[in-house]
Amino acid sequence: QVQLVESGGGLVQPGGSLRLSCAASGIIFSLYTMGWYRQAAGKQRELVASITTGGSTSYPTSVKGRFTISRDNAKNTVYLRMNSLEPEDTAVYYCNARLTLENIGMGYWGQGTQVTVSS
């Protein structure tokens, strides 16, 4: 039984920060590329950050310099630290676990956690 359990979402003012967590079980965590995706209302799902089994990270231009993804293999947990949040960051954020040979967008998904950036 595979589970990805997300936490840390909530309401934050523009310029504020949040840290999201995703705890995985039922997989050999160290073998998976981990990613954070988000989907705003009426928009396509987009990749926000990824971290490979070797610790290499990747970000789109929209969040680069503001978001940081990290992983703790001993805790089977991946994190997303979000700084300088903007209203455009408002979305449901999803955790994803994918084997290297799987296509992007496949693998296992968390339930999602709502992030709302508003004054």
PDB file of N, CA and C in Angstrom:
ATOM      1  N   GLN A   1       0.840  -1.179   0.000  1.00  0.00           N
ATOM      2  CA  GLN A   1       0.000   0.000   0.000  1.00  0.00           C
ATOM      3  C   GLN A   1       0.885   1.242   0.000  1.00  0.00           C
ATOM      4  N   VAL A   2       0.761   2.032  -1.053  1.00  0.00           N
ATOM      5  CA  VAL A   2       1.557   3.238  -1.209  1.00  0.00           C
ATOM      6  C   VAL A   2       0.736   4.436  -0.763  1.00  0.00           C
ATOM      7  N   GLN A   3       1.355   5.285   0.034  1.00  0.00           N
ATOM      8  CA  GLN A   3       0.706   6.505   0.487  1.00  0.00           C
ATOM      9  C   GLN A   3       1.687   7.663   0.430  1.00  0.00           C
ATOM     10  N   LEU A   4       1.206   8.786  -0.066  1.00  0.00           N
ATOM     11  CA  LEU A   4       1.909  10.055   0.006  1.00  0.00           C
ATOM     12  C   LEU A   4       1.000  11.014   0.751  1.00  0.00           C
ATOM     13  N   VAL A   5       1.419  11.440   1.921  1.00  0.00           N
ATOM     14  CA  VAL A   5       0.597  12.259   2.795  1.00  0.00           C
ATOM     15  C   VAL A   5       1.217  13.636   2.893  1.00  0.00           C
ATOM     16  N   GLU A   6       0.484  14.634   2.434  1.00  0.00           N
ATOM     17  CA  GLU A   6       0.967  16.004   2.381  1.00  0.00           C
ATOM     18  C   GLU A   6       0.425  16.813   3.544  1.00  0.00           C
ATOM     19  N   SER A   7       1.182  17.822   3.933  1.00  0.00           N
ATOM     20  CA  SER A   7       0.769  18.717   4.993  1.00  0.00           C
ATOM     21  C   SER A   7       1.491  20.045   4.826  1.00  0.00           C
ATOM     22  N   GLY A   8       1.014  21.059   5.516  1.00  0.00           N
ATOM     23  CA  GLY A   8       1.687  22.342   5.562  1.00  0.00           C
ATOM     24  C   GLY A   8       1.026  23.465   4.798  1.00  0.00           C
ATOM     25  N   GLY A   9      -0.014  23.168   4.050  1.00  0.00           N
ATOM     26  CA  GLY A   9      -0.696  24.211   3.312  1.00  0.00           C
ATOM     27  C   GLY A   9      -1.497  25.112   4.230  1.00  0.00           C
ATOM     28  N   GLY A  10      -1.989  26.200   3.662  1.00  0.00           N
ATOM     29  CA  GLY A  10      -2.783  27.128   4.438  1.00  0.00           C
ATOM     30  C   GLY A  10      -2.867  28.479   3.775  1.00  0.00           C
ATOM     31  N   LEU A  11      -3.329  29.446   4.548  1.00  0.00           N
ATOM     32  CA  LEU A  11      -3.486  30.822   4.098  1.00  0.00           C
ATOM     33  C   LEU A  11      -2.295  31.646   4.550  1.00  0.00           C
ATOM     34  N   VAL A  12      -1.713  32.388   3.622  1.00  0.00           N
ATOM     35  CA  VAL A  12      -0.552  33.209   3.923  1.00  0.00           C
ATOM     36  C   VAL A  12      -0.660  34.516   3.152  1.00  0.00           C
ATOM     37  N   GLN A  13      -0.120  35.580   3.732  1.00  0.00           N
ATOM     38  CA  GLN A  13      -0.128  36.880   3.074  1.00  0.00           C
ATOM     39  C   GLN A  13       0.938  36.947   1.987  1.00  0.00           C
ATOM     40  N   PRO A  14       0.739  37.801   0.995  1.00  0.00           N
ATOM     41  CA  PRO A  14       1.792  37.999   0.003  1.00  0.00           C
ATOM     42  C   PRO A  14       3.115  38.367   0.663  1.00  0.00           C
ATOM     43  N   GLY A  15       4.184  37.767   0.173  1.00  0.00           N
ATOM     44  CA  GLY A  15       5.491  37.951   0.763  1.00  0.00           C
ATOM     45  C   GLY A  15       5.825  36.969   1.857  1.00  0.00           C
ATOM     46  N   GLY A  16       4.855  36.195   2.297  1.00  0.00           N
ATOM     47  CA  GLY A  16       5.068  35.240   3.363  1.00  0.00           C
ATOM     48  C   GLY A  16       5.668  33.939   2.882  1.00  0.00           C
ATOM     49  N   SER A  17       5.807  33.005   3.820  1.00  0.00           N
ATOM     50  CA  SER A  17       6.457  31.730   3.552  1.00  0.00           C
ATOM     51  C   SER A  17       5.637  30.575   4.102  1.00  0.00           C
ATOM     52  N   LEU A  18       5.783  29.431   3.465  1.00  0.00           N
ATOM     53  CA  LEU A  18       5.209  28.178   3.925  1.00  0.00           C
ATOM     54  C   LEU A  18       6.188  27.056   3.621  1.00  0.00           C
ATOM     55  N   ARG A  19       6.122  25.996   4.415  1.00  0.00           N
ATOM     56  CA  ARG A  19       6.856  24.779   4.117  1.00  0.00           C
ATOM     57  C   ARG A  19       5.885  23.623   4.018  1.00  0.00           C
ATOM     58  N   LEU A  20       5.863  22.985   2.860  1.00  0.00           N
ATOM     59  CA  LEU A  20       5.051  21.808   2.641  1.00  0.00           C
ATOM     60  C   LEU A  20       5.873  20.554   2.899  1.00  0.00           C
ATOM     61  N   SER A  21       5.220  19.530   3.413  1.00  0.00           N
ATOM     62  CA  SER A  21       5.856  18.248   3.656  1.00  0.00           C
ATOM     63  C   SER A  21       5.056  17.146   2.982  1.00  0.00           C
ATOM     64  N   CYS A  22       5.743  16.110   2.546  1.00  0.00           N
ATOM     65  CA  CYS A  22       5.118  14.940   1.950  1.00  0.00           C
ATOM     66  C   CYS A  22       5.819  13.714   2.491  1.00  0.00           C
ATOM     67  N   ALA A  23       5.102  12.935   3.279  1.00  0.00           N
ATOM     68  CA  ALA A  23       5.637  11.721   3.873  1.00  0.00           C
ATOM     69  C   ALA A  23       5.185  10.520   3.059  1.00  0.00           C
ATOM     70  N   ALA A  24       6.133   9.721   2.604  1.00  0.00           N
ATOM     71  CA  ALA A  24       5.856   8.577   1.752  1.00  0.00           C
ATOM     72  C   ALA A  24       5.976   7.284   2.535  1.00  0.00           C
ATOM     73  N   SER A  25       5.135   6.322   2.178  1.00  0.00           N
ATOM     74  CA  SER A  25       5.226   4.983   2.727  1.00  0.00           C
ATOM     75  C   SER A  25       4.858   3.984   1.640  1.00  0.00           C
ATOM     76  N   GLY A  26       5.331   2.752   1.785  1.00  0.00           N
ATOM     77  CA  GLY A  26       5.027   1.712   0.822  1.00  0.00           C
ATOM     78  C   GLY A  26       5.929   1.690  -0.393  1.00  0.00           C
ATOM     79  N   ILE A  27       6.948   2.541  -0.437  1.00  0.00           N
ATOM     80  CA  ILE A  27       7.918   2.558  -1.519  1.00  0.00           C
ATOM     81  C   ILE A  27       9.320   2.606  -0.931  1.00  0.00           C
ATOM     82  N   ILE A  28      10.284   2.183  -1.734  1.00  0.00           N
ATOM     83  CA  ILE A  28      11.679   2.402  -1.361  1.00  0.00           C
ATOM     84  C   ILE A  28      12.000   3.830  -1.777  1.00  0.00           C
ATOM     85  N   PHE A  29      11.892   4.725  -0.829  1.00  0.00           N
ATOM     86  CA  PHE A  29      11.882   6.156  -1.098  1.00  0.00           C
ATOM     87  C   PHE A  29      13.122   6.614  -1.864  1.00  0.00           C
ATOM     88  N   SER A  30      14.268   6.075  -1.521  1.00  0.00           N
ATOM     89  CA  SER A  30      15.519   6.527  -2.121  1.00  0.00           C
ATOM     90  C   SER A  30      15.617   6.217  -3.614  1.00  0.00           C
ATOM     91  N   LEU A  31      14.748   5.371  -4.143  1.00  0.00           N
ATOM     92  CA  LEU A  31      14.778   5.009  -5.551  1.00  0.00           C
ATOM     93  C   LEU A  31      13.889   5.896  -6.418  1.00  0.00           C
ATOM     94  N   TYR A  32      13.195   6.849  -5.829  1.00  0.00           N
ATOM     95  CA  TYR A  32      12.210   7.637  -6.536  1.00  0.00           C
ATOM     96  C   TYR A  32      12.637   9.089  -6.700  1.00  0.00           C
ATOM     97  N   THR A  33      12.408   9.592  -7.901  1.00  0.00           N
ATOM     98  CA  THR A  33      12.423  11.028  -8.116  1.00  0.00           C
ATOM     99  C   THR A  33      11.158  11.620  -7.499  1.00  0.00           C
ATOM    100  N   MET A  34      11.314  12.664  -6.716  1.00  0.00           N
ATOM    101  CA  MET A  34      10.193  13.300  -6.046  1.00  0.00           C
ATOM    102  C   MET A  34       9.923  14.662  -6.674  1.00  0.00           C
ATOM    103  N   GLY A  35       8.652  14.993  -6.762  1.00  0.00           N
ATOM    104  CA  GLY A  35       8.284  16.269  -7.351  1.00  0.00           C
ATOM    105  C   GLY A  35       7.103  16.901  -6.655  1.00  0.00           C
ATOM    106  N   TRP A  36       7.024  18.211  -6.797  1.00  0.00           N
ATOM    107  CA  TRP A  36       5.865  18.978  -6.376  1.00  0.00           C
ATOM    108  C   TRP A  36       5.223  19.593  -7.613  1.00  0.00           C
ATOM    109  N   TYR A  37       3.931  19.411  -7.733  1.00  0.00           N
ATOM    110  CA  TYR A  37       3.130  20.005  -8.785  1.00  0.00           C
ATOM    111  C   TYR A  37       2.072  20.898  -8.163  1.00  0.00           C
ATOM    112  N   ARG A  38       1.544  21.792  -8.954  1.00  0.00           N
ATOM    113  CA  ARG A  38       0.423  22.596  -8.484  1.00  0.00           C
ATOM    114  C   ARG A  38      -0.591  22.774  -9.595  1.00  0.00           C
ATOM    115  N   GLN A  39      -1.826  22.968  -9.186  1.00  0.00           N
ATOM    116  CA  GLN A  39      -2.901  23.205 -10.128  1.00  0.00           C
ATOM    117  C   GLN A  39      -3.815  24.286  -9.569  1.00  0.00           C
ATOM    118  N   ALA A  40      -3.832  25.413 -10.233  1.00  0.00           N
ATOM    119  CA  ALA A  40      -4.738  26.491  -9.891  1.00  0.00           C
ATOM    120  C   ALA A  40      -6.066  26.279 -10.593  1.00  0.00           C
ATOM    121  N   ALA A  41      -7.113  26.883 -10.053  1.00  0.00           N
ATOM    122  CA  ALA A  41      -8.446  26.733 -10.616  1.00  0.00           C
ATOM    123  C   ALA A  41      -8.459  27.153 -12.077  1.00  0.00           C
ATOM    124  N   GLY A  42      -8.954  26.278 -12.924  1.00  0.00           N
ATOM    125  CA  GLY A  42      -9.063  26.578 -14.335  1.00  0.00           C
ATOM    126  C   GLY A  42      -7.777  26.518 -15.114  1.00  0.00           C
ATOM    127  N   LYS A  43      -6.696  26.041 -14.507  1.00  0.00           N
ATOM    128  CA  LYS A  43      -5.411  26.000 -15.175  1.00  0.00           C
ATOM    129  C   LYS A  43      -4.876  24.577 -15.247  1.00  0.00           C
ATOM    130  N   GLN A  44      -3.871  24.398 -16.084  1.00  0.00           N
ATOM    131  CA  GLN A  44      -3.205  23.114 -16.207  1.00  0.00           C
ATOM    132  C   GLN A  44      -2.328  22.838 -14.995  1.00  0.00           C
ATOM    133  N   ARG A  45      -2.176  21.576 -14.684  1.00  0.00           N
ATOM    134  CA  ARG A  45      -1.221  21.170 -13.666  1.00  0.00           C
ATOM    135  C   ARG A  45       0.194  21.451 -14.163  1.00  0.00           C
ATOM    136  N   GLU A  46       1.027  21.965 -13.291  1.00  0.00           N
ATOM    137  CA  GLU A  46       2.385  22.283 -13.679  1.00  0.00           C
ATOM    138  C   GLU A  46       3.377  21.808 -12.633  1.00  0.00           C
ATOM    139  N   LEU A  47       4.533  21.420 -13.104  1.00  0.00           N
ATOM    140  CA  LEU A  47       5.617  21.013 -12.226  1.00  0.00           C
ATOM    141  C   LEU A  47       6.248  22.245 -11.601  1.00  0.00           C
ATOM    142  N   VAL A  48       6.382  22.215 -10.284  1.00  0.00           N
ATOM    143  CA  VAL A  48       6.943  23.329  -9.536  1.00  0.00           C
ATOM    144  C   VAL A  48       8.399  23.071  -9.149  1.00  0.00           C
ATOM    145  N   ALA A  49       8.699  21.842  -8.785  1.00  0.00           N
ATOM    146  CA  ALA A  49      10.050  21.498  -8.364  1.00  0.00           C
ATOM    147  C   ALA A  49      10.214  19.996  -8.410  1.00  0.00           C
ATOM    148  N   SER A  50      11.426  19.542  -8.649  1.00  0.00           N
ATOM    149  CA  SER A  50      11.729  18.121  -8.621  1.00  0.00           C
ATOM    150  C   SER A  50      13.102  17.909  -8.027  1.00  0.00           C
ATOM    151  N   ILE A  51      13.289  16.732  -7.482  1.00  0.00           N
ATOM    152  CA  ILE A  51      14.585  16.351  -6.932  1.00  0.00           C
ATOM    153  C   ILE A  51      14.812  14.885  -7.253  1.00  0.00           C
ATOM    154  N   THR A  52      15.957  14.588  -7.835  1.00  0.00           N
ATOM    155  CA  THR A  52      16.262  13.244  -8.280  1.00  0.00           C
ATOM    156  C   THR A  52      16.785  12.399  -7.135  1.00  0.00           C
ATOM    157  N   THR A  53      16.995  11.120  -7.442  1.00  0.00           N
ATOM    158  CA  THR A  53      17.569  10.223  -6.442  1.00  0.00           C
ATOM    159  C   THR A  53      18.966  10.661  -6.029  1.00  0.00           C
ATOM    160  N   GLY A  54      19.654  11.364  -6.907  1.00  0.00           N
ATOM    161  CA  GLY A  54      20.979  11.860  -6.594  1.00  0.00           C
ATOM    162  C   GLY A  54      21.011  13.234  -5.966  1.00  0.00           C
ATOM    163  N   GLY A  55      19.843  13.857  -5.769  1.00  0.00           N
ATOM    164  CA  GLY A  55      19.774  15.147  -5.118  1.00  0.00           C
ATOM    165  C   GLY A  55      19.789  16.342  -6.047  1.00  0.00           C
ATOM    166  N   SER A  56      19.759  16.114  -7.348  1.00  0.00           N
ATOM    167  CA  SER A  56      19.719  17.215  -8.295  1.00  0.00           C
ATOM    168  C   SER A  56      18.319  17.822  -8.331  1.00  0.00           C
ATOM    169  N   THR A  57      18.239  19.152  -8.301  1.00  0.00           N
ATOM    170  CA  THR A  57      16.959  19.846  -8.255  1.00  0.00           C
ATOM    171  C   THR A  57      16.703  20.612  -9.535  1.00  0.00           C
ATOM    172  N   SER A  58      15.424  20.871  -9.788  1.00  0.00           N
ATOM    173  CA  SER A  58      15.016  21.601 -10.976  1.00  0.00           C
ATOM    174  C   SER A  58      13.784  22.427 -10.656  1.00  0.00           C
ATOM    175  N   TYR A  59      13.736  23.663 -11.198  1.00  0.00           N
ATOM    176  CA  TYR A  59      12.625  24.575 -10.962  1.00  0.00           C
ATOM    177  C   TYR A  59      12.293  25.318 -12.244  1.00  0.00           C
ATOM    178  N   PRO A  60      11.036  25.639 -12.446  1.00  0.00           N
ATOM    179  CA  PRO A  60      10.692  26.525 -13.552  1.00  0.00           C
ATOM    180  C   PRO A  60      11.020  27.975 -13.190  1.00  0.00           C
ATOM    181  N   THR A  61      11.083  28.803 -14.198  1.00  0.00           N
ATOM    182  CA  THR A  61      11.437  30.199 -13.990  1.00  0.00           C
ATOM    183  C   THR A  61      10.496  30.897 -13.018  1.00  0.00           C
ATOM    184  N   SER A  62       9.228  30.507 -13.012  1.00  0.00           N
ATOM    185  CA  SER A  62       8.230  31.186 -12.205  1.00  0.00           C
ATOM    186  C   SER A  62       8.503  31.113 -10.708  1.00  0.00           C
ATOM    187  N   VAL A  63       9.217  30.091 -10.261  1.00  0.00           N
ATOM    188  CA  VAL A  63       9.467  29.924  -8.827  1.00  0.00           C
ATOM    189  C   VAL A  63      10.945  29.911  -8.479  1.00  0.00           C
ATOM    190  N   LYS A  64      11.806  29.921  -9.470  1.00  0.00           N
ATOM    191  CA  LYS A  64      13.232  29.827  -9.211  1.00  0.00           C
ATOM    192  C   LYS A  64      13.689  30.985  -8.327  1.00  0.00           C
ATOM    193  N   GLY A  65      14.461  30.647  -7.304  1.00  0.00           N
ATOM    194  CA  GLY A  65      14.930  31.637  -6.364  1.00  0.00           C
ATOM    195  C   GLY A  65      14.004  31.853  -5.190  1.00  0.00           C
ATOM    196  N   ARG A  66      12.776  31.380  -5.276  1.00  0.00           N
ATOM    197  CA  ARG A  66      11.801  31.521  -4.197  1.00  0.00           C
ATOM    198  C   ARG A  66      11.473  30.193  -3.523  1.00  0.00           C
ATOM    199  N   PHE A  67      11.451  29.117  -4.293  1.00  0.00           N
ATOM    200  CA  PHE A  67      11.090  27.796  -3.778  1.00  0.00           C
ATOM    201  C   PHE A  67      12.331  26.921  -3.688  1.00  0.00           C
ATOM    202  N   THR A  68      12.353  26.053  -2.688  1.00  0.00           N
ATOM    203  CA  THR A  68      13.446  25.111  -2.506  1.00  0.00           C
ATOM    204  C   THR A  68      12.879  23.740  -2.165  1.00  0.00           C
ATOM    205  N   ILE A  69      13.237  22.737  -2.956  1.00  0.00           N
ATOM    206  CA  ILE A  69      12.837  21.368  -2.680  1.00  0.00           C
ATOM    207  C   ILE A  69      14.002  20.640  -2.021  1.00  0.00           C
ATOM    208  N   SER A  70      13.682  19.778  -1.076  1.00  0.00           N
ATOM    209  CA  SER A  70      14.694  18.977  -0.411  1.00  0.00           C
ATOM    210  C   SER A  70      14.090  17.636  -0.026  1.00  0.00           C
ATOM    211  N   ARG A  71      14.949  16.685   0.287  1.00  0.00           N
ATOM    212  CA  ARG A  71      14.457  15.372   0.689  1.00  0.00           C
ATOM    213  C   ARG A  71      15.287  14.843   1.838  1.00  0.00           C
ATOM    214  N   ASP A  72      14.641  14.066   2.673  1.00  0.00           N
ATOM    215  CA  ASP A  72      15.284  13.391   3.788  1.00  0.00           C
ATOM    216  C   ASP A  72      14.962  11.918   3.639  1.00  0.00           C
ATOM    217  N   ASN A  73      15.892  11.166   3.068  1.00  0.00           N
ATOM    218  CA  ASN A  73      15.629   9.758   2.792  1.00  0.00           C
ATOM    219  C   ASN A  73      15.434   8.947   4.072  1.00  0.00           C
ATOM    220  N   ALA A  74      16.074   9.346   5.149  1.00  0.00           N
ATOM    221  CA  ALA A  74      15.912   8.639   6.408  1.00  0.00           C
ATOM    222  C   ALA A  74      14.497   8.765   6.951  1.00  0.00           C
ATOM    223  N   LYS A  75      13.817   9.856   6.613  1.00  0.00           N
ATOM    224  CA  LYS A  75      12.450  10.089   7.057  1.00  0.00           C
ATOM    225  C   LYS A  75      11.414   9.831   5.971  1.00  0.00           C
ATOM    226  N   ASN A  76      11.852   9.408   4.792  1.00  0.00           N
ATOM    227  CA  ASN A  76      10.942   9.175   3.667  1.00  0.00           C
ATOM    228  C   ASN A  76      10.067  10.390   3.393  1.00  0.00           C
ATOM    229  N   THR A  77      10.672  11.564   3.429  1.00  0.00           N
ATOM    230  CA  THR A  77       9.919  12.802   3.334  1.00  0.00           C
ATOM    231  C   THR A  77      10.587  13.759   2.358  1.00  0.00           C
ATOM    232  N   VAL A  78       9.760  14.434   1.571  1.00  0.00           N
ATOM    233  CA  VAL A  78      10.212  15.497   0.697  1.00  0.00           C
ATOM    234  C   VAL A  78       9.537  16.790   1.133  1.00  0.00           C
ATOM    235  N   TYR A  79      10.261  17.900   1.030  1.00  0.00           N
ATOM    236  CA  TYR A  79       9.783  19.188   1.489  1.00  0.00           C
ATOM    237  C   TYR A  79       9.783  20.195   0.345  1.00  0.00           C
ATOM    238  N   LEU A  80       8.945  21.193   0.479  1.00  0.00           N
ATOM    239  CA  LEU A  80       8.965  22.335  -0.414  1.00  0.00           C
ATOM    240  C   LEU A  80       8.870  23.597   0.428  1.00  0.00           C
ATOM    241  N   ARG A  81       9.961  24.341   0.485  1.00  0.00           N
ATOM    242  CA  ARG A  81       9.989  25.613   1.179  1.00  0.00           C
ATOM    243  C   ARG A  81       9.650  26.708   0.182  1.00  0.00           C
ATOM    244  N   MET A  82       8.639  27.487   0.478  1.00  0.00           N
ATOM    245  CA  MET A  82       8.158  28.525  -0.408  1.00  0.00           C
ATOM    246  C   MET A  82       8.307  29.867   0.282  1.00  0.00           C
ATOM    247  N   ASN A  83       9.104  30.732  -0.304  1.00  0.00           N
ATOM    248  CA  ASN A  83       9.322  32.081   0.198  1.00  0.00           C
ATOM    249  C   ASN A  83       8.782  33.100  -0.790  1.00  0.00           C
ATOM    250  N   SER A  84       8.602  34.320  -0.311  1.00  0.00           N
ATOM    251  CA  SER A  84       8.150  35.433  -1.148  1.00  0.00           C
ATOM    252  C   SER A  84       6.922  35.056  -1.963  1.00  0.00           C
ATOM    253  N   LEU A  85       5.942  34.489  -1.298  1.00  0.00           N
ATOM    254  CA  LEU A  85       4.760  33.988  -1.983  1.00  0.00           C
ATOM    255  C   LEU A  85       3.946  35.120  -2.597  1.00  0.00           C
ATOM    256  N   GLU A  86       3.367  34.830  -3.732  1.00  0.00           N
ATOM    257  CA  GLU A  86       2.575  35.773  -4.497  1.00  0.00           C
ATOM    258  C   GLU A  86       1.175  35.209  -4.692  1.00  0.00           C
ATOM    259  N   PRO A  87       0.186  36.069  -4.943  1.00  0.00           N
ATOM    260  CA  PRO A  87      -1.163  35.552  -5.200  1.00  0.00           C
ATOM    261  C   PRO A  87      -1.202  34.532  -6.330  1.00  0.00           C
ATOM    262  N   GLU A  88      -0.325  34.665  -7.304  1.00  0.00           N
ATOM    263  CA  GLU A  88      -0.271  33.721  -8.417  1.00  0.00           C
ATOM    264  C   GLU A  88       0.176  32.326  -7.996  1.00  0.00           C
ATOM    265  N   ASP A  89       0.713  32.185  -6.802  1.00  0.00           N
ATOM    266  CA  ASP A  89       1.099  30.881  -6.285  1.00  0.00           C
ATOM    267  C   ASP A  89      -0.079  30.109  -5.695  1.00  0.00           C
ATOM    268  N   THR A  90      -1.225  30.737  -5.586  1.00  0.00           N
ATOM    269  CA  THR A  90      -2.405  30.075  -5.039  1.00  0.00           C
ATOM    270  C   THR A  90      -2.785  28.876  -5.900  1.00  0.00           C
ATOM    271  N   ALA A  91      -2.867  27.707  -5.283  1.00  0.00           N
ATOM    272  CA  ALA A  91      -3.158  26.474  -6.012  1.00  0.00           C
ATOM    273  C   ALA A  91      -3.238  25.322  -5.024  1.00  0.00           C
ATOM    274  N   VAL A  92      -3.683  24.183  -5.523  1.00  0.00           N
ATOM    275  CA  VAL A  92      -3.541  22.932  -4.792  1.00  0.00           C
ATOM    276  C   VAL A  92      -2.195  22.341  -5.171  1.00  0.00           C
ATOM    277  N   TYR A  93      -1.398  22.030  -4.176  1.00  0.00           N
ATOM    278  CA  TYR A  93      -0.062  21.499  -4.390  1.00  0.00           C
ATOM    279  C   TYR A  93      -0.056  19.999  -4.140  1.00  0.00           C
ATOM    280  N   TYR A  94       0.500  19.251  -5.095  1.00  0.00           N
ATOM    281  CA  TYR A  94       0.506  17.796  -5.053  1.00  0.00           C
ATOM    282  C   TYR A  94       1.928  17.254  -5.013  1.00  0.00           C
ATOM    283  N   CYS A  95       2.115  16.225  -4.235  1.00  0.00           N
ATOM    284  CA  CYS A  95       3.372  15.499  -4.160  1.00  0.00           C
ATOM    285  C   CYS A  95       3.334  14.318  -5.116  1.00  0.00           C
ATOM    286  N   ASN A  96       4.454  14.049  -5.783  1.00  0.00           N
ATOM    287  CA  ASN A  96       4.546  12.966  -6.753  1.00  0.00           C
ATOM    288  C   ASN A  96       5.827  12.172  -6.534  1.00  0.00           C
ATOM    289  N   ALA A  97       5.711  10.860  -6.663  1.00  0.00           N
ATOM    290  CA  ALA A  97       6.859   9.956  -6.601  1.00  0.00           C
ATOM    291  C   ALA A  97       6.921   9.164  -7.892  1.00  0.00           C
ATOM    292  N   ARG A  98       8.081   9.190  -8.549  1.00  0.00           N
ATOM    293  CA  ARG A  98       8.218   8.585  -9.867  1.00  0.00           C
ATOM    294  C   ARG A  98       9.551   7.875  -9.983  1.00  0.00           C
ATOM    295  N   LEU A  99       9.512   6.647 -10.482  1.00  0.00           N
ATOM    296  CA  LEU A  99      10.741   5.944 -10.804  1.00  0.00           C
ATOM    297  C   LEU A  99      11.408   6.597 -12.008  1.00  0.00           C
ATOM    298  N   THR A 100      12.695   6.469 -12.100  1.00  0.00           N
ATOM    299  CA  THR A 100      13.464   7.131 -13.143  1.00  0.00           C
ATOM    300  C   THR A 100      12.954   6.793 -14.535  1.00  0.00           C
ATOM    301  N   LEU A 101      12.563   5.544 -14.766  1.00  0.00           N
ATOM    302  CA  LEU A 101      12.132   5.107 -16.085  1.00  0.00           C
ATOM    303  C   LEU A 101      10.679   5.424 -16.396  1.00  0.00           C
ATOM    304  N   GLU A 102       9.936   5.934 -15.445  1.00  0.00           N
ATOM    305  CA  GLU A 102       8.560   6.317 -15.687  1.00  0.00           C
ATOM    306  C   GLU A 102       8.490   7.689 -16.343  1.00  0.00           C
ATOM    307  N   ASN A 103       7.439   7.893 -17.129  1.00  0.00           N
ATOM    308  CA  ASN A 103       7.228   9.197 -17.744  1.00  0.00           C
ATOM    309  C   ASN A 103       6.830  10.222 -16.690  1.00  0.00           C
ATOM    310  N   ILE A 104       7.132  11.479 -16.961  1.00  0.00           N
ATOM    311  CA  ILE A 104       6.701  12.542 -16.070  1.00  0.00           C
ATOM    312  C   ILE A 104       5.180  12.551 -16.001  1.00  0.00           C
ATOM    313  N   GLY A 105       4.667  12.884 -14.834  1.00  0.00           N
ATOM    314  CA  GLY A 105       3.230  12.874 -14.619  1.00  0.00           C
ATOM    315  C   GLY A 105       2.668  11.534 -14.205  1.00  0.00           C
ATOM    316  N   MET A 106       3.500  10.499 -14.211  1.00  0.00           N
ATOM    317  CA  MET A 106       3.076   9.173 -13.772  1.00  0.00           C
ATOM    318  C   MET A 106       3.585   8.917 -12.360  1.00  0.00           C
ATOM    319  N   GLY A 107       3.413   7.702 -11.901  1.00  0.00           N
ATOM    320  CA  GLY A 107       3.829   7.359 -10.559  1.00  0.00           C
ATOM    321  C   GLY A 107       2.710   7.549  -9.560  1.00  0.00           C
ATOM    322  N   TYR A 108       3.093   7.847  -8.324  1.00  0.00           N
ATOM    323  CA  TYR A 108       2.146   7.986  -7.228  1.00  0.00           C
ATOM    324  C   TYR A 108       1.932   9.447  -6.876  1.00  0.00           C
ATOM    325  N   TRP A 109       0.738   9.735  -6.381  1.00  0.00           N
ATOM    326  CA  TRP A 109       0.338  11.108  -6.077  1.00  0.00           C
ATOM    327  C   TRP A 109      -0.222  11.222  -4.681  1.00  0.00           C
ATOM    328  N   GLY A 110       0.041  12.345  -4.051  1.00  0.00           N
ATOM    329  CA  GLY A 110      -0.587  12.662  -2.786  1.00  0.00           C
ATOM    330  C   GLY A 110      -1.969  13.239  -2.988  1.00  0.00           C
ATOM    331  N   GLN A 111      -2.626  13.533  -1.875  1.00  0.00           N
ATOM    332  CA  GLN A 111      -4.002  14.014  -1.926  1.00  0.00           C
ATOM    333  C   GLN A 111      -4.103  15.493  -2.261  1.00  0.00           C
ATOM    334  N   GLY A 112      -3.026  16.213  -2.134  1.00  0.00           N
ATOM    335  CA  GLY A 112      -3.013  17.637  -2.391  1.00  0.00           C
ATOM    336  C   GLY A 112      -3.249  18.442  -1.136  1.00  0.00           C
ATOM    337  N   THR A 113      -2.644  19.618  -1.092  1.00  0.00           N
ATOM    338  CA  THR A 113      -2.848  20.543   0.014  1.00  0.00           C
ATOM    339  C   THR A 113      -3.009  21.946  -0.554  1.00  0.00           C
ATOM    340  N   GLN A 114      -3.990  22.663  -0.042  1.00  0.00           N
ATOM    341  CA  GLN A 114      -4.334  23.978  -0.571  1.00  0.00           C
ATOM    342  C   GLN A 114      -3.389  25.040  -0.031  1.00  0.00           C
ATOM    343  N   VAL A 115      -2.868  25.850  -0.935  1.00  0.00           N
ATOM    344  CA  VAL A 115      -2.085  27.027  -0.583  1.00  0.00           C
ATOM    345  C   VAL A 115      -2.810  28.239  -1.135  1.00  0.00           C
ATOM    346  N   THR A 116      -3.142  29.165  -0.264  1.00  0.00           N
ATOM    347  CA  THR A 116      -3.826  30.381  -0.660  1.00  0.00           C
ATOM    348  C   THR A 116      -3.002  31.581  -0.214  1.00  0.00           C
ATOM    349  N   VAL A 117      -2.652  32.429  -1.162  1.00  0.00           N
ATOM    350  CA  VAL A 117      -1.857  33.621  -0.896  1.00  0.00           C
ATOM    351  C   VAL A 117      -2.760  34.825  -1.119  1.00  0.00           C
ATOM    352  N   SER A 118      -3.102  35.491  -0.042  1.00  0.00           N
ATOM    353  CA  SER A 118      -4.050  36.600  -0.119  1.00  0.00           C
ATOM    354  C   SER A 118      -3.874  37.510   1.078  1.00  0.00           C
ATOM    355  N   SER A 119      -4.114  38.789   0.867  1.00  0.00           N
ATOM    356  CA  SER A 119      -4.087  39.749   1.945  1.00  0.00           C
ATOM    357  C   SER A 119      -5.464  39.970   2.541  1.00  0.00           C
TER     358      SER A 119
END
